[in-house]
């Protein structure tokens, strides 16, 4: 493959972009690889952003490998600080703020952008969504010691941040429209335990509510109004209401786009010379966030880019929720599978819930506290169950 390797241009320097570049370099040692990124190209762990406070990390210390070193290790042309503005598909040119870049194959690793809910008030723009290293730097800069922090969203990121904040001396106030934390991932009984446990450490909850307006407060900080009239005073606002796949570049280029950039089982878009990976991509089975699916996709997309179509095989993915006050490991229930959560075990060791579909097959699980140690056993059982169901 190396002898006829194409010039591959990758847009995006997150885990997806660097993941596919690593795999490309393994397969094609002499290939011409170019990375285009609007930031510095530093490599870091994005999941670490929601636990960085407790670990005493600032933005600079979260960097595991500087961009220049990544470029040297992977022997690639790093075009840092450049924004991808358009794709000339006929001419096979990526248009950037630093000039045009010709490609043989193009890989879009554009990630996802924070959702910005419509909120009134003269301070609504001050809400910070921590989705990148620069965002985290801004958040830390605006975070005084012992700050009262309004957290909008009680999903995975919002709950992890609430845990991180309260265990490091800050005072989080969490607002979410749903009835319990992690509502799209765990059954209500576990969400209630998470709520109560974090409340015992000092987290204030306003569930079943949403932020209607954020105003500047004359005494400093902000004053938020909820939809039921409740007012909350805080020093900083953290927005964690979700992410939306970044599809603008692909859409404007005329590529097929659904919730994300539409790709086939090899990661190929509707243009045979363009691929997409990571949070921006919509695979045949849907969106696939988290680290493990990205690495699995990278291992298949790299040979596909180099001329050997390879199907992406996503492994069974369990997720560790980084709530140190109440440890949780879960396998999310499939989005397109009807079923119900069933309590399997309860006791001093923790809780075990199984998500059981209409045919009685286990399709997801939640383990808490000491039962988190059963993670590998549960993953193995589910893999065997899925194989039996497919037989």
Protein backbone atom coordinates (compact mmCIF):
# COMPACT_ATOMS: atom_id res chain seq x y z
CA UNK A 1 0.00 0.00 0.00
CA UNK A 2 2.84 2.39 0.80
CA UNK A 3 4.16 2.52 -2.78
CA UNK A 4 0.93 3.97 -4.15
CA UNK A 5 -0.23 5.78 -1.03
CA UNK A 6 -2.25 8.91 -1.78
CA UNK A 7 -1.79 12.36 -0.27
CA UNK A 8 -4.20 12.31 2.64
CA UNK A 9 -5.45 15.49 4.27
CA UNK A 10 -7.08 15.20 7.70
CA UNK A 11 -9.14 18.04 9.15
CA UNK A 12 -9.24 18.07 12.95
CA UNK A 13 -6.62 17.34 15.61
CA UNK A 14 -8.73 15.59 18.22
CA UNK A 15 -8.58 11.89 19.06
CA UNK A 16 -10.32 11.02 15.78
CA UNK A 17 -7.95 13.01 13.59
CA UNK A 18 -4.79 11.82 15.29
CA UNK A 19 -6.18 8.30 15.61
CA UNK A 20 -6.60 7.90 11.86
CA UNK A 21 -3.24 9.58 11.19
CA UNK A 22 -1.49 7.08 13.47
CA UNK A 23 -3.11 4.17 11.65
CA UNK A 24 -2.28 5.68 8.25
CA UNK A 25 1.34 6.09 9.22
CA UNK A 26 1.56 2.46 10.38
CA UNK A 27 0.18 1.22 7.06
CA UNK A 28 1.96 3.69 4.79
CA UNK A 29 5.32 4.79 6.25
CA UNK A 30 6.14 6.97 3.23
CA UNK A 31 2.69 8.47 2.62
CA UNK A 32 2.20 12.23 2.43
CA UNK A 33 -0.02 13.22 5.37
CA UNK A 34 -1.29 16.73 6.11
CA UNK A 35 -3.19 17.79 9.23
CA UNK A 36 -5.29 20.95 9.16
CA UNK A 37 -6.50 22.29 12.50
CA UNK A 38 -7.81 25.63 13.72
CA UNK A 39 -5.97 25.24 17.04
CA UNK A 40 -2.34 24.46 17.95
CA UNK A 41 -2.59 20.75 17.22
CA UNK A 42 -1.69 19.71 20.75
CA UNK A 43 -2.79 16.21 21.75
CA UNK A 44 -4.73 15.79 24.98
CA UNK A 45 -7.52 13.68 26.46
CA UNK A 46 -10.86 15.43 26.10
CA UNK A 47 -12.54 13.17 28.73
CA UNK A 48 -9.98 14.49 31.22
CA UNK A 49 -11.52 17.98 31.04
CA UNK A 50 -14.37 17.03 33.39
CA UNK A 51 -12.02 15.66 36.07
CA UNK A 52 -9.13 18.09 35.75
CA UNK A 53 -9.99 20.20 38.81
CA UNK A 54 -9.73 17.32 41.26
CA UNK A 55 -6.43 16.31 39.67
CA UNK A 56 -5.03 19.83 40.03
CA UNK A 57 -4.67 20.29 36.28
CA UNK A 58 -4.59 23.54 34.37
CA UNK A 59 -4.95 23.68 30.59
CA UNK A 60 -1.21 23.47 29.83
CA UNK A 61 -0.68 20.43 32.06
CA UNK A 62 -3.47 18.54 30.27
CA UNK A 63 -1.40 18.50 27.07
CA UNK A 64 0.16 15.06 26.69
CA UNK A 65 2.07 15.77 23.45
CA UNK A 66 2.61 19.22 21.85
CA UNK A 67 1.54 19.64 18.24
CA UNK A 68 5.10 20.02 16.96
CA UNK A 69 6.11 16.74 18.57
CA UNK A 70 3.04 14.96 17.16
CA UNK A 71 3.97 16.26 13.70
CA UNK A 72 7.52 14.95 14.09
CA UNK A 73 6.44 11.56 15.44
CA UNK A 74 3.92 10.99 12.64
CA UNK A 75 5.99 12.68 9.93
CA UNK A 76 3.14 14.90 8.87
CA UNK A 77 2.70 18.42 7.58
CA UNK A 78 0.94 20.25 10.42
CA UNK A 79 -1.08 23.28 9.28
CA UNK A 80 -2.02 24.68 12.70
CA UNK A 81 -4.17 27.75 13.23
CA UNK A 82 -5.97 27.27 9.93
CA UNK A 83 -9.72 27.09 9.49
CA UNK A 84 -11.17 24.83 6.81
CA UNK A 85 -13.55 27.08 4.87
CA UNK A 86 -14.73 24.91 2.03
CA UNK A 87 -14.18 21.84 -0.15
CA UNK A 88 -13.82 21.98 -3.93
CA UNK A 89 -14.79 18.37 -4.55
CA UNK A 90 -14.32 18.53 -8.32
CA UNK A 91 -10.81 19.96 -8.04
CA UNK A 92 -10.09 17.94 -4.86
CA UNK A 93 -9.00 21.01 -2.96
CA UNK A 94 -9.52 21.88 0.70
CA UNK A 95 -9.92 25.65 1.02
CA UNK A 96 -8.41 27.04 4.23
CA UNK A 97 -7.61 30.40 5.75
CA UNK A 98 -3.95 29.61 4.98
CA UNK A 99 -4.60 28.87 1.32
CA UNK A 100 -5.76 25.88 -0.74
CA UNK A 101 -4.52 22.35 -0.05
CA UNK A 102 -4.85 19.68 -2.71
CA UNK A 103 -5.74 16.15 -1.63
CA UNK A 104 -6.15 12.67 -3.04
CA UNK A 105 -8.18 11.58 -0.03
CA UNK A 106 -9.77 13.79 2.60
CA UNK A 107 -10.72 12.73 6.14
CA UNK A 108 -13.09 14.94 8.13
CA UNK A 109 -12.55 14.65 11.89
CA UNK A 110 -14.48 17.80 12.77
CA UNK A 111 -15.86 16.71 16.13
CA UNK A 112 -19.00 18.20 17.64
CA UNK A 113 -19.95 21.68 18.77
CA UNK A 114 -21.64 22.54 22.08
CA UNK A 115 -25.39 23.07 21.83
CA UNK A 116 -26.31 26.66 22.59
CA UNK A 117 -29.85 26.73 23.98
CA UNK A 118 -31.88 29.90 23.43
CA UNK A 119 -31.56 31.92 26.64
CA UNK A 120 -32.56 35.54 27.25
CA UNK A 121 -30.62 38.13 29.24
CA UNK A 122 -27.56 40.34 28.87
CA UNK A 123 -25.20 37.68 30.26
CA UNK A 124 -26.39 34.62 28.31
CA UNK A 125 -23.24 34.84 26.18
CA UNK A 126 -21.08 34.36 29.28
CA UNK A 127 -22.01 30.68 29.60
CA UNK A 128 -18.91 28.58 28.94
CA UNK A 129 -19.13 25.18 27.26
CA UNK A 130 -15.96 23.23 28.06
CA UNK A 131 -15.35 21.10 24.97
CA UNK A 132 -11.73 21.96 24.14
CA UNK A 133 -8.50 22.84 25.88
CA UNK A 134 -9.06 26.53 25.12
CA UNK A 135 -12.54 26.33 26.65
CA UNK A 136 -11.11 24.75 29.79
CA UNK A 137 -8.45 27.48 30.02
CA UNK A 138 -11.18 30.14 29.80
CA UNK A 139 -13.25 28.33 32.45
CA UNK A 140 -10.33 28.14 34.89
CA UNK A 141 -9.44 31.78 34.31
CA UNK A 142 -12.97 32.84 35.30
CA UNK A 143 -13.28 30.47 38.27
CA UNK A 144 -12.52 32.17 41.60
CA UNK A 145 -11.71 30.05 44.65
CA UNK A 146 -14.85 28.55 46.18
CA UNK A 147 -16.97 29.85 43.30
CA UNK A 148 -20.67 29.15 43.01
CA UNK A 149 -21.03 27.58 39.57
CA UNK A 150 -24.28 27.26 37.66
CA UNK A 151 -24.12 24.04 35.64
CA UNK A 152 -26.70 23.80 32.85
CA UNK A 153 -27.24 20.12 32.08
CA UNK A 154 -27.17 16.95 34.19
CA UNK A 155 -26.08 14.51 31.52
CA UNK A 156 -22.74 12.75 31.54
CA UNK A 157 -20.56 15.87 31.25
CA UNK A 158 -22.66 18.05 33.55
CA UNK A 159 -22.82 15.40 36.27
CA UNK A 160 -19.08 14.71 36.04
CA UNK A 161 -18.33 18.42 36.30
CA UNK A 162 -20.66 18.74 39.30
CA UNK A 163 -18.75 15.92 40.98
CA UNK A 164 -15.38 17.48 40.09
CA UNK A 165 -16.42 20.92 41.31
CA UNK A 166 -17.97 19.87 44.62
CA UNK A 167 -15.03 17.65 45.56
CA UNK A 168 -12.58 20.52 45.02
CA UNK A 169 -14.27 23.18 47.13
CA UNK A 170 -16.62 24.78 44.63
CA UNK A 171 -20.40 25.09 44.93
CA UNK A 172 -22.19 23.71 41.87
CA UNK A 173 -25.86 24.40 41.19
CA UNK A 174 -27.19 22.03 38.52
CA UNK A 175 -30.25 22.75 36.38
CA UNK A 176 -31.74 20.19 33.99
CA UNK A 177 -35.08 19.75 32.25
CA UNK A 178 -35.21 16.02 32.99
CA UNK A 179 -36.16 14.42 36.28
CA UNK A 180 -32.84 12.99 37.40
CA UNK A 181 -29.12 13.13 36.55
CA UNK A 182 -27.84 10.95 33.69
CA UNK A 183 -31.47 10.51 32.64
CA UNK A 184 -30.66 9.28 29.13
CA UNK A 185 -28.15 6.73 30.42
CA UNK A 186 -29.42 5.21 33.67
CA UNK A 187 -32.77 4.21 35.21
CA UNK A 188 -34.49 6.70 37.50
CA UNK A 189 -33.58 4.77 40.65
CA UNK A 190 -29.86 5.16 40.00
CA UNK A 191 -30.28 8.75 38.90
CA UNK A 192 -31.97 9.46 42.21
CA UNK A 193 -29.06 7.93 44.14
CA UNK A 194 -26.59 10.03 42.15
CA UNK A 195 -28.63 13.15 42.89
CA UNK A 196 -28.86 12.42 46.61
CA UNK A 197 -25.20 11.42 46.94
CA UNK A 198 -23.94 14.58 45.27
CA UNK A 199 -26.45 16.66 47.22
CA UNK A 200 -24.93 15.24 50.39
CA UNK A 201 -21.59 16.66 49.28
CA UNK A 202 -23.06 20.08 48.55
CA UNK A 203 -24.48 20.01 45.02
CA UNK A 204 -27.71 21.98 44.64
CA UNK A 205 -30.18 20.54 42.13
CA UNK A 206 -33.03 22.12 40.16
CA UNK A 207 -34.44 19.25 38.11
CA UNK A 208 -37.39 19.42 35.76
CA UNK A 209 -36.43 23.06 35.17
CA UNK A 210 -34.56 25.07 32.56
CA UNK A 211 -32.66 28.35 32.55
CA UNK A 212 -34.81 31.02 30.90
CA UNK A 213 -32.49 34.03 31.26
CA UNK A 214 -29.05 34.98 32.53
CA UNK A 215 -28.43 38.56 33.63
CA UNK A 216 -25.35 40.40 34.83
CA UNK A 217 -25.51 40.92 38.57
CA UNK A 218 -24.70 44.39 39.90
CA UNK A 219 -22.68 42.87 42.74
CA UNK A 220 -20.66 40.72 40.31
CA UNK A 221 -21.24 37.38 38.67
CA UNK A 222 -24.61 36.52 37.17
CA UNK A 223 -28.26 36.17 38.12
CA UNK A 224 -30.08 33.33 36.37
CA UNK A 225 -33.85 33.01 36.11
CA UNK A 226 -35.41 29.56 35.81
CA UNK A 227 -38.67 28.87 34.00
CA UNK A 228 -40.53 28.63 37.32
CA UNK A 229 -39.29 32.04 38.48
CA UNK A 230 -36.50 30.76 40.75
CA UNK A 231 -33.43 33.01 40.79
CA UNK A 232 -29.89 31.67 41.12
CA UNK A 233 -26.83 33.79 41.85
CA UNK A 234 -23.51 32.41 40.62
CA UNK A 235 -19.99 33.46 39.73
CA UNK A 236 -19.66 31.36 36.57
CA UNK A 237 -22.02 29.54 34.19
CA UNK A 238 -21.00 26.20 32.71
CA UNK A 239 -23.11 24.96 29.79
CA UNK A 240 -23.23 21.17 29.46
CA UNK A 241 -26.49 20.66 27.58
CA UNK A 242 -25.04 18.48 24.85
CA UNK A 243 -23.07 18.41 21.63
CA UNK A 244 -24.12 18.61 17.99
CA UNK A 245 -22.02 16.98 15.22
CA UNK A 246 -20.10 19.58 13.23
CA UNK A 247 -21.51 19.10 9.73
CA UNK A 248 -21.37 22.59 8.20
CA UNK A 249 -18.28 22.02 6.05
CA UNK A 250 -19.69 18.77 4.68
CA UNK A 251 -23.17 20.16 4.09
CA UNK A 252 -21.85 23.19 2.23
CA UNK A 253 -19.79 20.88 0.04
CA UNK A 254 -22.92 18.92 -0.90
CA UNK A 255 -22.12 15.76 1.04
CA UNK A 256 -24.99 13.69 2.45
CA UNK A 257 -25.73 14.80 6.02
CA UNK A 258 -28.22 13.50 8.60
CA UNK A 259 -27.65 14.02 12.29
CA UNK A 260 -23.98 13.78 11.40
CA UNK A 261 -21.99 13.42 8.17
CA UNK A 262 -23.45 10.28 6.60
CA UNK A 263 -20.88 7.50 6.12
CA UNK A 264 -20.99 3.84 5.18
CA UNK A 265 -19.54 0.93 7.16
CA UNK A 266 -16.03 1.85 5.94
CA UNK A 267 -16.33 5.50 6.97
CA UNK A 268 -16.75 6.73 3.39
CA UNK A 269 -19.07 9.68 2.76
CA UNK A 270 -21.26 10.18 -0.32
CA UNK A 271 -18.04 11.34 -2.06
CA UNK A 272 -15.77 8.30 -2.61
CA UNK A 273 -12.65 10.37 -1.88
CA UNK A 274 -13.88 11.84 1.41
CA UNK A 275 -14.22 10.03 4.74
CA UNK A 276 -15.54 11.14 8.14
CA UNK A 277 -14.72 9.87 11.62
CA UNK A 278 -15.58 10.53 15.24
CA UNK A 279 -18.22 12.80 16.70
CA UNK A 280 -19.00 14.45 13.34
CA UNK A 281 -19.82 11.13 11.61
CA UNK A 282 -23.12 9.28 11.44
CA UNK A 283 -22.41 5.59 10.87
CA UNK A 284 -25.04 3.12 9.60
CA UNK A 285 -25.85 2.28 13.24
CA UNK A 286 -25.98 5.95 14.25
CA UNK A 287 -23.70 8.36 16.08
CA UNK A 288 -20.82 6.80 18.02
CA UNK A 289 -19.24 8.99 20.67
CA UNK A 290 -16.59 7.98 23.23
CA UNK A 291 -12.99 6.88 22.82
CA UNK A 292 -13.33 3.18 21.97
CA UNK A 293 -15.54 3.61 18.85
CA UNK A 294 -13.22 6.33 17.53
CA UNK A 295 -10.20 4.06 17.75
CA UNK A 296 -12.12 1.18 16.15
CA UNK A 297 -13.19 3.48 13.30
CA UNK A 298 -9.62 4.72 12.82
CA UNK A 299 -8.32 1.16 12.42
CA UNK A 300 -10.80 0.53 9.58
CA UNK A 301 -10.84 3.94 7.89
CA UNK A 302 -7.05 4.06 7.44
CA UNK A 303 -6.87 0.99 5.14
CA UNK A 304 -10.08 2.12 3.41
CA UNK A 305 -8.46 5.47 2.62
CA UNK A 306 -5.41 3.63 1.25
CA UNK A 307 -7.47 1.52 -1.11
CA UNK A 308 -8.49 -1.53 0.91
CA UNK A 309 -12.14 -1.09 1.95
CA UNK A 310 -12.48 -2.31 5.53
CA UNK A 311 -15.66 -2.47 7.58
CA UNK A 312 -15.66 -0.73 10.94
CA UNK A 313 -16.41 -3.18 13.74
CA UNK A 314 -17.49 -1.37 16.86
CA UNK A 315 -16.80 -3.33 20.04
CA UNK A 316 -19.18 -3.58 22.96
CA UNK A 317 -18.64 -0.27 24.69
CA UNK A 318 -18.96 0.24 28.41
CA UNK A 319 -18.46 3.69 29.89
CA UNK A 320 -17.01 4.65 33.24
CA UNK A 321 -18.88 7.65 34.64
CA UNK A 322 -16.31 9.76 36.44
CA UNK A 323 -18.36 10.41 39.56
CA UNK A 324 -15.94 9.54 42.35
CA UNK A 325 -18.61 10.12 45.00
CA UNK A 326 -20.72 7.32 43.49
CA UNK A 327 -18.84 5.14 40.97
CA UNK A 328 -20.80 3.96 37.93
CA UNK A 329 -19.99 1.81 34.91
CA UNK A 330 -22.60 1.40 32.20
CA UNK A 331 -23.27 0.08 28.75
CA UNK A 332 -25.73 2.53 27.17
CA UNK A 333 -28.95 1.02 25.92
CA UNK A 334 -29.16 0.99 22.09
CA UNK A 335 -31.04 4.03 20.84
CA UNK A 336 -33.22 2.03 18.44
CA UNK A 337 -34.09 -0.87 20.74
CA UNK A 338 -37.29 -0.97 22.77
CA UNK A 339 -37.02 -2.45 26.23
CA UNK A 340 -36.93 -1.65 29.92
CA UNK A 341 -34.50 -1.37 32.81
CA UNK A 342 -34.76 -4.24 35.28
CA UNK A 343 -33.16 -4.41 38.72
CA UNK A 344 -30.90 -7.49 38.77
CA UNK A 345 -29.06 -7.10 42.08
CA UNK A 346 -29.03 -4.72 45.03
CA UNK A 347 -27.12 -4.63 48.28
CA UNK A 348 -24.11 -3.21 50.06
CA UNK A 349 -21.91 -3.93 47.01
CA UNK A 350 -24.03 -1.61 44.87
CA UNK A 351 -26.74 -1.87 42.24
CA UNK A 352 -26.95 -3.80 39.00
CA UNK A 353 -29.57 -2.92 36.39
CA UNK A 354 -30.01 -4.65 33.04
CA UNK A 355 -31.67 -3.19 29.96
CA UNK A 356 -33.78 -6.02 28.56
CA UNK A 357 -35.34 -5.84 25.09
CA UNK A 358 -38.73 -7.17 23.99
CA UNK A 359 -37.21 -10.59 23.27
CA UNK A 360 -35.74 -10.91 26.74
CA UNK A 361 -32.15 -10.25 25.61
CA UNK A 362 -29.88 -8.04 27.72
CA UNK A 363 -28.77 -5.04 25.65
CA UNK A 364 -27.29 -2.73 28.25
CA UNK A 365 -26.39 -2.49 31.93
CA UNK A 366 -25.54 -0.17 34.81
CA UNK A 367 -23.23 -1.18 37.66
CA UNK A 368 -22.53 0.96 40.71
CA UNK A 369 -19.98 1.06 43.53
CA UNK A 370 -18.16 -2.27 44.07
CA UNK A 371 -20.17 -3.93 41.31
CA UNK A 372 -18.21 -1.82 38.80
CA UNK A 373 -15.60 -4.58 39.06
CA UNK A 374 -17.99 -6.82 37.10
CA UNK A 375 -17.52 -4.68 33.99
CA UNK A 376 -15.38 -7.09 31.94
CA UNK A 377 -17.58 -10.04 32.87
CA UNK A 378 -20.70 -8.16 31.79
CA UNK A 379 -19.12 -7.07 28.49
CA UNK A 380 -18.19 -10.67 27.74
CA UNK A 381 -21.70 -11.91 28.53
CA UNK A 382 -23.27 -9.30 26.27
CA UNK A 383 -20.93 -10.13 23.38
CA UNK A 384 -21.86 -13.81 23.70
CA UNK A 385 -25.55 -12.91 23.90
CA UNK A 386 -25.38 -10.80 20.74
CA UNK A 387 -23.55 -13.59 18.88
CA UNK A 388 -26.21 -16.10 19.90
CA UNK A 389 -28.92 -13.71 18.78
CA UNK A 390 -27.28 -13.25 15.40
CA UNK A 391 -26.79 -17.00 14.86
